[in-house]
Amino acid sequence: MEKPARNRGAGPLRYCAREFTRAEIEEIRAIIASGKYPSRKAIAREVCQRLDWYKPDGGPKTVSCSVAMLRMQRDGLLELPAPQRAPSRPGIPTFTSASDPGPLLEGTRADLGPLQLVRVVRPADSRLWNEVIARHHYLGYRPLAGAQLRYLAYAGDRLLGAFGFGAAAWRVLDRDDFIGWDDAQRVARLHLIVNNARFLVMPSVKVRFLASSLLAQVARQLPDDWERAYCYRPQLLETFVECDRFAGTSYRAANWIFVGETMGRGKLDRYHSTAKTYKSIWLYPLNRRFRETLCAPLPQRTPLRSGWQ
């Protein structure tokens, strides 16, 4: 079935968590048509500079811009030059003995002693994380969206599980009502919410109270790690638990807050082509005054340069 075009109407269009006016899309077309920029990456850098599209650490959002332009091209809004090389596609990780479940581990959290959350930085850890998620997580492996952190959890040398954190969902009614922000505040500060996109306890690990203990430990460690990686401090964690599969017991035990359910459409189901899957919404404040930060009045915007809407 042909997908409907997104370029109808006169209002701004949203791509990659940013709204583009018609004038800005014309600006992007002009940058492409100028022929001054030899690659898609160079075009993305120029677009970020012209549209003042930067990450909190001050760097241009070239990856998001590149993805946005590809989606604009798909929707018939512009035509990019041919890529200089074929894009790489992440394949299914190869399963090795490193991701074997291992012998059955039972008992309680107190039996394990100190736990370690190893942030995935080294290539070997990245391969292992991809492998265990692909092999043991019911959602399987795919690259996380946006700014992200991944962790492997250990007790000594024993691999217990894995976490993956990435970009927050664009709009979630019950979450946004809980925060109390308006649309403009949400657009400006959505990056201050981090989504727990993957949480896995290895299938051979049957340790009581372990899952909630790991959730509590990662909530303590992540804000500092995120600030070191991205130069800003998140205010809130979110996750979505499939209602037909899980009750969210571990999140509740780790003091996450249940705030409601989704409306049954995932962020990738733009054309309502898949069956509805309802998920419970859980939030964990990383700062007692998180609402003051997320809902603070926005600074007055500097007028855009002449020619832009």
C-alpha atoms as a PDB file:
ATOM      1  CA  MET A   1       0.000   0.000   0.000  1.00  0.00           C
ATOM      2  CA  GLU A   2       1.366   3.439  -0.903  1.00  0.00           C
ATOM      3  CA  LYS A   3       2.087   5.609   2.075  1.00  0.00           C
ATOM      4  CA  PRO A   4       0.437   9.016   2.191  1.00  0.00           C
ATOM      5  CA  ALA A   5       2.670  12.023   1.633  1.00  0.00           C
ATOM      6  CA  ARG A   6       3.467  14.229   4.584  1.00  0.00           C
ATOM      7  CA  ASN A   7       3.815  17.431   2.577  1.00  0.00           C
ATOM      8  CA  ARG A   8       0.167  18.438   2.624  1.00  0.00           C
ATOM      9  CA  GLY A   9      -1.062  21.486   4.450  1.00  0.00           C
ATOM     10  CA  ALA A  10       0.644  24.745   5.271  1.00  0.00           C
ATOM     11  CA  GLY A  11       1.930  24.104   8.786  1.00  0.00           C
ATOM     12  CA  PRO A  12       5.393  23.039   9.915  1.00  0.00           C
ATOM     13  CA  LEU A  13       6.501  19.437   9.407  1.00  0.00           C
ATOM     14  CA  ARG A  14       8.199  17.355  12.081  1.00  0.00           C
ATOM     15  CA  TYR A  15      11.244  15.214  11.446  1.00  0.00           C
ATOM     16  CA  CYS A  16      13.639  13.821  14.056  1.00  0.00           C
ATOM     17  CA  ALA A  17      12.027  15.695  16.928  1.00  0.00           C
ATOM     18  CA  ARG A  18      12.267  19.060  15.134  1.00  0.00           C
ATOM     19  CA  GLU A  19       9.624  21.083  13.357  1.00  0.00           C
ATOM     20  CA  PHE A  20      10.593  22.581   9.987  1.00  0.00           C
ATOM     21  CA  THR A  21       8.775  25.537   8.461  1.00  0.00           C
ATOM     22  CA  ARG A  22       8.163  25.597   4.717  1.00  0.00           C
ATOM     23  CA  ALA A  23      10.742  28.367   4.439  1.00  0.00           C
ATOM     24  CA  GLU A  24      13.344  26.184   6.170  1.00  0.00           C
ATOM     25  CA  ILE A  25      12.659  23.316   3.777  1.00  0.00           C
ATOM     26  CA  GLU A  26      13.120  25.753   0.889  1.00  0.00           C
ATOM     27  CA  GLU A  27      16.400  26.782   2.514  1.00  0.00           C
ATOM     28  CA  ILE A  28      17.523  23.139   2.546  1.00  0.00           C
ATOM     29  CA  ARG A  29      16.558  22.762  -1.126  1.00  0.00           C
ATOM     30  CA  ALA A  30      18.630  25.836  -1.955  1.00  0.00           C
ATOM     31  CA  ILE A  31      21.646  24.433  -0.101  1.00  0.00           C
ATOM     32  CA  ILE A  32      21.385  21.197  -2.100  1.00  0.00           C
ATOM     33  CA  ALA A  33      20.829  23.009  -5.407  1.00  0.00           C
ATOM     34  CA  SER A  34      23.843  25.285  -4.907  1.00  0.00           C
ATOM     35  CA  GLY A  35      26.228  22.413  -5.627  1.00  0.00           C
ATOM     36  CA  LYS A  36      28.739  23.830  -3.124  1.00  0.00           C
ATOM     37  CA  TYR A  37      28.604  20.850  -0.797  1.00  0.00           C
ATOM     38  CA  PRO A  38      30.130  17.632  -2.162  1.00  0.00           C
ATOM     39  CA  SER A  39      28.458  15.106   0.110  1.00  0.00           C
ATOM     40  CA  ARG A  40      25.329  14.504   2.118  1.00  0.00           C
ATOM     41  CA  LYS A  41      27.359  14.932   5.294  1.00  0.00           C
ATOM     42  CA  ALA A  42      28.596  18.342   4.142  1.00  0.00           C
ATOM     43  CA  ILE A  43      25.025  19.336   3.297  1.00  0.00           C
ATOM     44  CA  ALA A  44      23.901  18.255   6.777  1.00  0.00           C
ATOM     45  CA  ARG A  45      26.632  20.343   8.422  1.00  0.00           C
ATOM     46  CA  GLU A  46      25.596  23.412   6.447  1.00  0.00           C
ATOM     47  CA  VAL A  47      21.909  22.872   7.185  1.00  0.00           C
ATOM     48  CA  CYS A  48      22.647  22.595  10.911  1.00  0.00           C
ATOM     49  CA  GLN A  49      24.595  25.856  10.774  1.00  0.00           C
ATOM     50  CA  ARG A  50      21.918  27.717   8.814  1.00  0.00           C
ATOM     51  CA  LEU A  51      19.043  26.409  10.938  1.00  0.00           C
ATOM     52  CA  ASP A  52      20.906  26.726  14.249  1.00  0.00           C
ATOM     53  CA  TRP A  53      20.400  23.022  14.974  1.00  0.00           C
ATOM     54  CA  TYR A  54      22.901  22.002  17.649  1.00  0.00           C
ATOM     55  CA  LYS A  55      23.261  19.443  20.400  1.00  0.00           C
ATOM     56  CA  PRO A  56      23.445  20.565  24.032  1.00  0.00           C
ATOM     57  CA  ASP A  57      27.241  20.120  23.900  1.00  0.00           C
ATOM     58  CA  GLY A  58      27.428  22.645  21.037  1.00  0.00           C
ATOM     59  CA  GLY A  59      28.110  20.229  18.182  1.00  0.00           C
ATOM     60  CA  PRO A  60      25.921  20.205  15.049  1.00  0.00           C
ATOM     61  CA  LYS A  61      23.197  17.548  14.928  1.00  0.00           C
ATOM     62  CA  THR A  62      24.472  16.136  11.637  1.00  0.00           C
ATOM     63  CA  VAL A  63      23.195  12.599  12.215  1.00  0.00           C
ATOM     64  CA  SER A  64      19.653  13.748  13.027  1.00  0.00           C
ATOM     65  CA  CYS A  65      19.801  16.195  10.130  1.00  0.00           C
ATOM     66  CA  SER A  66      20.895  13.471   7.705  1.00  0.00           C
ATOM     67  CA  VAL A  67      18.049  11.212   8.841  1.00  0.00           C
ATOM     68  CA  ALA A  68      15.565  14.090   8.590  1.00  0.00           C
ATOM     69  CA  MET A  69      16.630  14.886   5.019  1.00  0.00           C
ATOM     70  CA  LEU A  70      16.336  11.230   4.001  1.00  0.00           C
ATOM     71  CA  ARG A  71      12.770  11.213   5.351  1.00  0.00           C
ATOM     72  CA  MET A  72      12.018  14.477   3.557  1.00  0.00           C
ATOM     73  CA  GLN A  73      13.282  12.891   0.341  1.00  0.00           C
ATOM     74  CA  ARG A  74      11.091   9.849   0.933  1.00  0.00           C
ATOM     75  CA  ASP A  75       8.117  12.188   1.387  1.00  0.00           C
ATOM     76  CA  GLY A  76       8.855  14.016  -1.863  1.00  0.00           C
ATOM     77  CA  LEU A  77       9.985  17.303  -0.322  1.00  0.00           C
ATOM     78  CA  LEU A  78      13.518  17.391  -1.715  1.00  0.00           C
ATOM     79  CA  GLU A  79      16.076  15.402  -3.709  1.00  0.00           C
ATOM     80  CA  LEU A  80      19.464  14.612  -2.201  1.00  0.00           C
ATOM     81  CA  PRO A  81      22.557  13.847  -4.275  1.00  0.00           C
ATOM     82  CA  ALA A  82      23.441  10.186  -4.616  1.00  0.00           C
ATOM     83  CA  PRO A  83      25.416   8.832  -1.638  1.00  0.00           C
ATOM     84  CA  GLN A  84      29.158   8.587  -2.176  1.00  0.00           C
ATOM     85  CA  ARG A  85      29.136   5.066  -0.782  1.00  0.00           C
ATOM     86  CA  ALA A  86      26.486   2.477  -0.030  1.00  0.00           C
ATOM     87  CA  PRO A  87      25.034   2.886   3.473  1.00  0.00           C
ATOM     88  CA  SER A  88      25.939   0.171   5.925  1.00  0.00           C
ATOM     89  CA  ARG A  89      23.120  -1.826   7.472  1.00  0.00           C
ATOM     90  CA  PRO A  90      23.434  -3.393  10.908  1.00  0.00           C
ATOM     91  CA  GLY A  91      23.200  -7.152  10.613  1.00  0.00           C
ATOM     92  CA  ILE A  92      22.044  -9.722  13.123  1.00  0.00           C
ATOM     93  CA  PRO A  93      24.909 -10.306  15.573  1.00  0.00           C
ATOM     94  CA  THR A  94      26.590 -13.706  15.380  1.00  0.00           C
ATOM     95  CA  PHE A  95      25.907 -15.837  18.439  1.00  0.00           C
ATOM     96  CA  THR A  96      28.982 -17.113  20.268  1.00  0.00           C
ATOM     97  CA  SER A  97      29.703 -18.838  23.548  1.00  0.00           C
ATOM     98  CA  ALA A  98      30.121 -15.393  25.135  1.00  0.00           C
ATOM     99  CA  SER A  99      26.337 -14.975  25.175  1.00  0.00           C
ATOM    100  CA  ASP A 100      25.533 -18.489  26.405  1.00  0.00           C
ATOM    101  CA  PRO A 101      23.112 -18.318  29.357  1.00  0.00           C
ATOM    102  CA  GLY A 102      25.569 -20.106  31.648  1.00  0.00           C
ATOM    103  CA  PRO A 103      24.690 -22.339  34.596  1.00  0.00           C
ATOM    104  CA  LEU A 104      21.589 -21.670  36.636  1.00  0.00           C
ATOM    105  CA  LEU A 105      22.125 -18.954  39.240  1.00  0.00           C
ATOM    106  CA  GLU A 106      19.600 -18.823  42.072  1.00  0.00           C
ATOM    107  CA  GLY A 107      19.267 -17.202  45.465  1.00  0.00           C
ATOM    108  CA  THR A 108      18.649 -13.612  46.514  1.00  0.00           C
ATOM    109  CA  ARG A 109      20.317 -10.324  45.730  1.00  0.00           C
ATOM    110  CA  ALA A 110      22.202 -10.421  49.045  1.00  0.00           C
ATOM    111  CA  ASP A 111      24.010 -13.593  47.938  1.00  0.00           C
ATOM    112  CA  LEU A 112      25.773 -11.855  45.062  1.00  0.00           C
ATOM    113  CA  GLY A 113      27.727  -9.138  46.795  1.00  0.00           C
ATOM    114  CA  PRO A 114      28.682  -5.967  44.898  1.00  0.00           C
ATOM    115  CA  LEU A 115      27.352  -5.563  41.356  1.00  0.00           C
ATOM    116  CA  GLN A 116      29.157  -3.748  38.551  1.00  0.00           C
ATOM    117  CA  LEU A 117      27.546  -1.804  35.738  1.00  0.00           C
ATOM    118  CA  VAL A 118      30.083  -1.590  32.917  1.00  0.00           C
ATOM    119  CA  ARG A 119      29.344   1.198  30.473  1.00  0.00           C
ATOM    120  CA  VAL A 120      29.682  -0.095  26.917  1.00  0.00           C
ATOM    121  CA  VAL A 121      32.570   1.779  25.350  1.00  0.00           C
ATOM    122  CA  ARG A 122      35.017  -0.853  24.124  1.00  0.00           C
ATOM    123  CA  PRO A 123      34.243  -2.623  20.825  1.00  0.00           C
ATOM    124  CA  ALA A 124      34.336  -6.012  22.555  1.00  0.00           C
ATOM    125  CA  ASP A 125      31.698  -4.897  25.075  1.00  0.00           C
ATOM    126  CA  SER A 126      29.591  -3.456  22.254  1.00  0.00           C
ATOM    127  CA  ARG A 127      29.662  -6.754  20.380  1.00  0.00           C
ATOM    128  CA  LEU A 128      28.705  -8.637  23.527  1.00  0.00           C
ATOM    129  CA  TRP A 129      25.840  -6.258  24.310  1.00  0.00           C
ATOM    130  CA  ASN A 130      24.467  -6.567  20.766  1.00  0.00           C
ATOM    131  CA  GLU A 131      24.780 -10.328  20.943  1.00  0.00           C
ATOM    132  CA  VAL A 132      23.039 -10.902  24.279  1.00  0.00           C
ATOM    133  CA  ILE A 133      20.203  -8.529  23.363  1.00  0.00           C
ATOM    134  CA  ALA A 134      19.712 -10.196  19.971  1.00  0.00           C
ATOM    135  CA  ARG A 135      19.816 -13.666  21.515  1.00  0.00           C
ATOM    136  CA  HIS A 136      17.857 -13.244  24.740  1.00  0.00           C
ATOM    137  CA  HIS A 137      15.656 -10.102  24.612  1.00  0.00           C
ATOM    138  CA  TYR A 138      12.169 -10.636  23.204  1.00  0.00           C
ATOM    139  CA  LEU A 139      12.419  -7.420  21.122  1.00  0.00           C
ATOM    140  CA  GLY A 140      15.747  -8.432  19.637  1.00  0.00           C
ATOM    141  CA  TYR A 141      18.560  -6.133  18.581  1.00  0.00           C
ATOM    142  CA  ARG A 142      18.419  -2.883  16.668  1.00  0.00           C
ATOM    143  CA  PRO A 143      20.475   0.279  17.113  1.00  0.00           C
ATOM    144  CA  LEU A 144      19.185   2.622  19.796  1.00  0.00           C
ATOM    145  CA  ALA A 145      17.875   6.021  18.770  1.00  0.00           C
ATOM    146  CA  GLY A 146      19.642   9.315  19.407  1.00  0.00           C
ATOM    147  CA  ALA A 147      21.922   9.970  22.363  1.00  0.00           C
ATOM    148  CA  GLN A 148      22.407   6.676  24.163  1.00  0.00           C
ATOM    149  CA  LEU A 149      24.206   4.673  26.821  1.00  0.00           C
ATOM    150  CA  ARG A 150      24.492   0.911  27.168  1.00  0.00           C
ATOM    151  CA  TYR A 151      25.549  -1.157  30.159  1.00  0.00           C
ATOM    152  CA  LEU A 152      26.495  -4.744  30.963  1.00  0.00           C
ATOM    153  CA  ALA A 153      25.758  -5.919  34.512  1.00  0.00           C
ATOM    154  CA  TYR A 154      28.131  -8.270  36.335  1.00  0.00           C
ATOM    155  CA  ALA A 155      28.602  -9.985  39.668  1.00  0.00           C
ATOM    156  CA  GLY A 156      32.315 -10.671  39.585  1.00  0.00           C
ATOM    157  CA  ASP A 157      32.902 -12.316  36.200  1.00  0.00           C
ATOM    158  CA  ARG A 158      29.318 -13.534  35.834  1.00  0.00           C
ATOM    159  CA  LEU A 159      27.254 -11.650  33.255  1.00  0.00           C
ATOM    160  CA  LEU A 160      23.856 -10.921  34.782  1.00  0.00           C
ATOM    161  CA  GLY A 161      22.161  -8.732  32.185  1.00  0.00           C
ATOM    162  CA  ALA A 162      22.186  -5.594  30.081  1.00  0.00           C
ATOM    163  CA  PHE A 163      20.616  -2.133  29.850  1.00  0.00           C
ATOM    164  CA  GLY A 164      20.078   0.164  26.887  1.00  0.00           C
ATOM    165  CA  PHE A 165      19.046   3.826  27.142  1.00  0.00           C
ATOM    166  CA  GLY A 166      18.197   6.138  24.250  1.00  0.00           C
ATOM    167  CA  ALA A 167      16.002   8.994  23.062  1.00  0.00           C
ATOM    168  CA  ALA A 168      12.629   9.607  24.704  1.00  0.00           C
ATOM    169  CA  ALA A 169       9.307   9.106  22.951  1.00  0.00           C
ATOM    170  CA  TRP A 170       8.160  12.242  21.130  1.00  0.00           C
ATOM    171  CA  ARG A 171       4.704  12.620  22.646  1.00  0.00           C
ATOM    172  CA  VAL A 172       3.066  10.475  25.351  1.00  0.00           C
ATOM    173  CA  LEU A 173      -0.183  11.852  26.740  1.00  0.00           C
ATOM    174  CA  ASP A 174      -0.036  10.436  30.273  1.00  0.00           C
ATOM    175  CA  ARG A 175       3.679  11.167  30.655  1.00  0.00           C
ATOM    176  CA  ASP A 176       3.252  14.733  29.476  1.00  0.00           C
ATOM    177  CA  ASP A 177       0.274  15.278  31.785  1.00  0.00           C
ATOM    178  CA  PHE A 178       2.330  13.943  34.702  1.00  0.00           C
ATOM    179  CA  ILE A 179       5.115  16.417  33.932  1.00  0.00           C
ATOM    180  CA  GLY A 180       2.730  19.287  33.275  1.00  0.00           C
ATOM    181  CA  TRP A 181       4.647  20.914  30.438  1.00  0.00           C
ATOM    182  CA  ASP A 182       3.227  22.493  27.318  1.00  0.00           C
ATOM    183  CA  ASP A 183       4.157  21.598  23.733  1.00  0.00           C
ATOM    184  CA  ALA A 184       6.840  24.258  23.448  1.00  0.00           C
ATOM    185  CA  GLN A 185       8.505  23.149  26.679  1.00  0.00           C
ATOM    186  CA  ARG A 186       8.323  19.523  25.572  1.00  0.00           C
ATOM    187  CA  VAL A 187       9.972  20.245  22.224  1.00  0.00           C
ATOM    188  CA  ALA A 188      12.728  22.282  23.887  1.00  0.00           C
ATOM    189  CA  ARG A 189      13.456  19.871  26.747  1.00  0.00           C
ATOM    190  CA  LEU A 190      12.571  16.395  25.542  1.00  0.00           C
ATOM    191  CA  HIS A 191      16.286  15.535  25.473  1.00  0.00           C
ATOM    192  CA  LEU A 192      16.241  15.746  29.292  1.00  0.00           C
ATOM    193  CA  ILE A 193      14.182  12.530  29.371  1.00  0.00           C
ATOM    194  CA  VAL A 194      16.026   9.261  28.714  1.00  0.00           C
ATOM    195  CA  ASN A 195      14.219   6.126  27.588  1.00  0.00           C
ATOM    196  CA  ASN A 196      15.094   2.728  29.049  1.00  0.00           C
ATOM    197  CA  ALA A 197      14.665   0.926  25.730  1.00  0.00           C
ATOM    198  CA  ARG A 198      16.173  -2.413  26.764  1.00  0.00           C
ATOM    199  CA  PHE A 199      16.472  -4.226  30.089  1.00  0.00           C
ATOM    200  CA  LEU A 200      17.552  -7.852  30.139  1.00  0.00           C
ATOM    201  CA  VAL A 201      18.301 -10.261  32.953  1.00  0.00           C
ATOM    202  CA  MET A 202      19.995 -13.344  31.536  1.00  0.00           C
ATOM    203  CA  PRO A 203      17.535 -16.273  31.350  1.00  0.00           C
ATOM    204  CA  SER A 204      19.634 -18.516  33.610  1.00  0.00           C
ATOM    205  CA  VAL A 205      19.747 -15.878  36.365  1.00  0.00           C
ATOM    206  CA  LYS A 206      16.872 -16.500  38.798  1.00  0.00           C
ATOM    207  CA  VAL A 207      17.927 -14.253  41.676  1.00  0.00           C
ATOM    208  CA  ARG A 208      15.181 -12.651  43.730  1.00  0.00           C
ATOM    209  CA  PHE A 209      15.223  -8.850  43.987  1.00  0.00           C
ATOM    210  CA  LEU A 210      18.035  -8.629  41.418  1.00  0.00           C
ATOM    211  CA  ALA A 211      16.081  -6.790  38.719  1.00  0.00           C
ATOM    212  CA  SER A 212      14.902  -4.002  41.026  1.00  0.00           C
ATOM    213  CA  SER A 213      18.391  -3.717  42.532  1.00  0.00           C
ATOM    214  CA  LEU A 214      19.927  -3.292  39.076  1.00  0.00           C
ATOM    215  CA  LEU A 215      17.298  -0.701  38.163  1.00  0.00           C
ATOM    216  CA  ALA A 216      18.107   1.272  41.310  1.00  0.00           C
ATOM    217  CA  GLN A 217      21.853   1.083  40.663  1.00  0.00           C
ATOM    218  CA  VAL A 218      21.632   2.190  37.044  1.00  0.00           C
ATOM    219  CA  ALA A 219      19.401   5.133  38.027  1.00  0.00           C
ATOM    220  CA  ARG A 220      22.167   6.292  40.391  1.00  0.00           C
ATOM    221  CA  GLN A 221      24.975   5.841  37.875  1.00  0.00           C
ATOM    222  CA  LEU A 222      23.404   7.025  34.622  1.00  0.00           C
ATOM    223  CA  PRO A 223      23.060  10.784  35.322  1.00  0.00           C
ATOM    224  CA  ASP A 224      26.811  11.231  35.861  1.00  0.00           C
ATOM    225  CA  ASP A 225      27.688   9.020  32.881  1.00  0.00           C
ATOM    226  CA  TRP A 226      25.218  10.862  30.657  1.00  0.00           C
ATOM    227  CA  GLU A 227      26.551  14.256  31.688  1.00  0.00           C
ATOM    228  CA  ARG A 228      30.118  13.171  30.939  1.00  0.00           C
ATOM    229  CA  ALA A 229      29.077  11.827  27.540  1.00  0.00           C
ATOM    230  CA  TYR A 230      26.689  14.589  26.401  1.00  0.00           C
ATOM    231  CA  CYS A 231      27.396  17.630  28.601  1.00  0.00           C
ATOM    232  CA  TYR A 232      23.921  17.847  30.134  1.00  0.00           C
ATOM    233  CA  ARG A 233      22.151  16.083  32.969  1.00  0.00           C
ATOM    234  CA  PRO A 234      18.884  14.198  32.367  1.00  0.00           C
ATOM    235  CA  GLN A 235      15.950  14.815  34.674  1.00  0.00           C
ATOM    236  CA  LEU A 236      13.696  11.826  34.149  1.00  0.00           C
ATOM    237  CA  LEU A 237      13.818   8.192  33.001  1.00  0.00           C
ATOM    238  CA  GLU A 238      10.936   6.573  31.126  1.00  0.00           C
ATOM    239  CA  THR A 239      10.118   3.074  29.982  1.00  0.00           C
ATOM    240  CA  PHE A 240       7.208   1.267  28.347  1.00  0.00           C
ATOM    241  CA  VAL A 241       6.185  -2.235  29.440  1.00  0.00           C
ATOM    242  CA  GLU A 242       3.983  -4.413  27.233  1.00  0.00           C
ATOM    243  CA  CYS A 243       0.830  -5.035  29.236  1.00  0.00           C
ATOM    244  CA  ASP A 244       0.222  -8.501  27.749  1.00  0.00           C
ATOM    245  CA  ARG A 245       3.706  -9.694  28.751  1.00  0.00           C
ATOM    246  CA  PHE A 246       4.746  -8.044  31.994  1.00  0.00           C
ATOM    247  CA  ALA A 247       3.250  -6.407  35.070  1.00  0.00           C
ATOM    248  CA  GLY A 248       6.132  -3.984  35.660  1.00  0.00           C
ATOM    249  CA  THR A 249       6.805  -5.527  39.082  1.00  0.00           C
ATOM    250  CA  SER A 250      10.554  -4.841  39.046  1.00  0.00           C
ATOM    251  CA  TYR A 251      10.038  -1.203  38.070  1.00  0.00           C
ATOM    252  CA  ARG A 252       7.483  -0.744  40.832  1.00  0.00           C
ATOM    253  CA  ALA A 253       9.866  -2.341  43.361  1.00  0.00           C
ATOM    254  CA  ALA A 254      12.611   0.070  42.233  1.00  0.00           C
ATOM    255  CA  ASN A 255      10.281   3.049  42.939  1.00  0.00           C
ATOM    256  CA  TRP A 256       9.435   3.865  39.335  1.00  0.00           C
ATOM    257  CA  ILE A 257       6.056   5.560  39.023  1.00  0.00           C
ATOM    258  CA  PHE A 258       3.223   4.114  36.939  1.00  0.00           C
ATOM    259  CA  VAL A 259       1.479   7.012  35.182  1.00  0.00           C
ATOM    260  CA  GLY A 260      -0.835   5.333  32.655  1.00  0.00           C
ATOM    261  CA  GLU A 261      -0.927   3.427  29.392  1.00  0.00           C
ATOM    262  CA  THR A 262      -0.072   4.250  25.808  1.00  0.00           C
ATOM    263  CA  MET A 263      -2.770   4.506  23.167  1.00  0.00           C
ATOM    264  CA  GLY A 264      -1.491   1.395  21.409  1.00  0.00           C
ATOM    265  CA  ARG A 265       0.478   2.920  18.517  1.00  0.00           C
ATOM    266  CA  GLY A 266       4.256   2.780  18.430  1.00  0.00           C
ATOM    267  CA  LYS A 267       6.323   5.728  17.249  1.00  0.00           C
ATOM    268  CA  LEU A 268       7.167   3.918  14.001  1.00  0.00           C
ATOM    269  CA  ASP A 269       3.541   3.091  13.159  1.00  0.00           C
ATOM    270  CA  ARG A 270       2.837   6.373  11.425  1.00  0.00           C
ATOM    271  CA  TYR A 271       0.227   4.920   9.080  1.00  0.00           C
ATOM    272  CA  HIS A 272      -1.679   2.671  11.557  1.00  0.00           C
ATOM    273  CA  SER A 273      -0.563  -0.432   9.669  1.00  0.00           C
ATOM    274  CA  THR A 274       0.073  -2.717  12.664  1.00  0.00           C
ATOM    275  CA  ALA A 275      -2.053  -4.147  15.443  1.00  0.00           C
ATOM    276  CA  LYS A 276      -2.310  -2.089  18.608  1.00  0.00           C
ATOM    277  CA  THR A 277       0.047  -2.990  21.458  1.00  0.00           C
ATOM    278  CA  TYR A 278      -0.757  -1.332  24.772  1.00  0.00           C
ATOM    279  CA  LYS A 279       2.087  -0.516  27.127  1.00  0.00           C
ATOM    280  CA  SER A 280       2.198   0.715  30.683  1.00  0.00           C
ATOM    281  CA  ILE A 281       4.190   3.912  31.188  1.00  0.00           C
ATOM    282  CA  TRP A 282       6.728   4.097  34.016  1.00  0.00           C
ATOM    283  CA  LEU A 283       8.768   7.133  35.029  1.00  0.00           C
ATOM    284  CA  TYR A 284      11.661   7.636  37.423  1.00  0.00           C
ATOM    285  CA  PRO A 285      12.578  11.207  38.467  1.00  0.00           C
ATOM    286  CA  LEU A 286      16.332  11.758  38.662  1.00  0.00           C
ATOM    287  CA  ASN A 287      15.853  15.070  40.418  1.00  0.00           C
ATOM    288  CA  ARG A 288      13.211  15.954  43.018  1.00  0.00           C
ATOM    289  CA  ARG A 289      12.733  19.313  41.300  1.00  0.00           C
ATOM    290  CA  PHE A 290      12.527  17.870  37.796  1.00  0.00           C
ATOM    291  CA  ARG A 291       9.267  19.702  37.053  1.00  0.00           C
ATOM    292  CA  GLU A 292      10.900  23.058  37.752  1.00  0.00           C
ATOM    293  CA  THR A 293      13.501  22.285  35.097  1.00  0.00           C
ATOM    294  CA  LEU A 294      11.211  20.709  32.505  1.00  0.00           C
ATOM    295  CA  CYS A 295       8.412  23.269  32.912  1.00  0.00           C
ATOM    296  CA  ALA A 296      10.455  26.435  33.423  1.00  0.00           C
ATOM    297  CA  PRO A 297       9.470  29.363  31.159  1.00  0.00           C
ATOM    298  CA  LEU A 298      11.325  29.304  27.874  1.00  0.00           C
ATOM    299  CA  PRO A 299      13.693  32.163  27.032  1.00  0.00           C
ATOM    300  CA  GLN A 300      12.412  34.585  24.439  1.00  0.00           C
ATOM    301  CA  ARG A 301      13.482  33.435  21.003  1.00  0.00           C
ATOM    302  CA  THR A 302      15.800  35.548  18.882  1.00  0.00           C
ATOM    303  CA  PRO A 303      14.020  36.516  15.644  1.00  0.00           C
ATOM    304  CA  LEU A 304      15.047  34.389  12.672  1.00  0.00           C
ATOM    305  CA  ARG A 305      16.949  36.028   9.851  1.00  0.00           C
ATOM    306  CA  SER A 306      15.086  37.650   6.984  1.00  0.00           C
ATOM    307  CA  GLY A 307      13.404  35.250   4.611  1.00  0.00           C
ATOM    308  CA  TRP A 308      12.519  32.604   7.209  1.00  0.00           C
ATOM    309  CA  GLN A 309       9.078  32.079   8.646  1.00  0.00           C
END
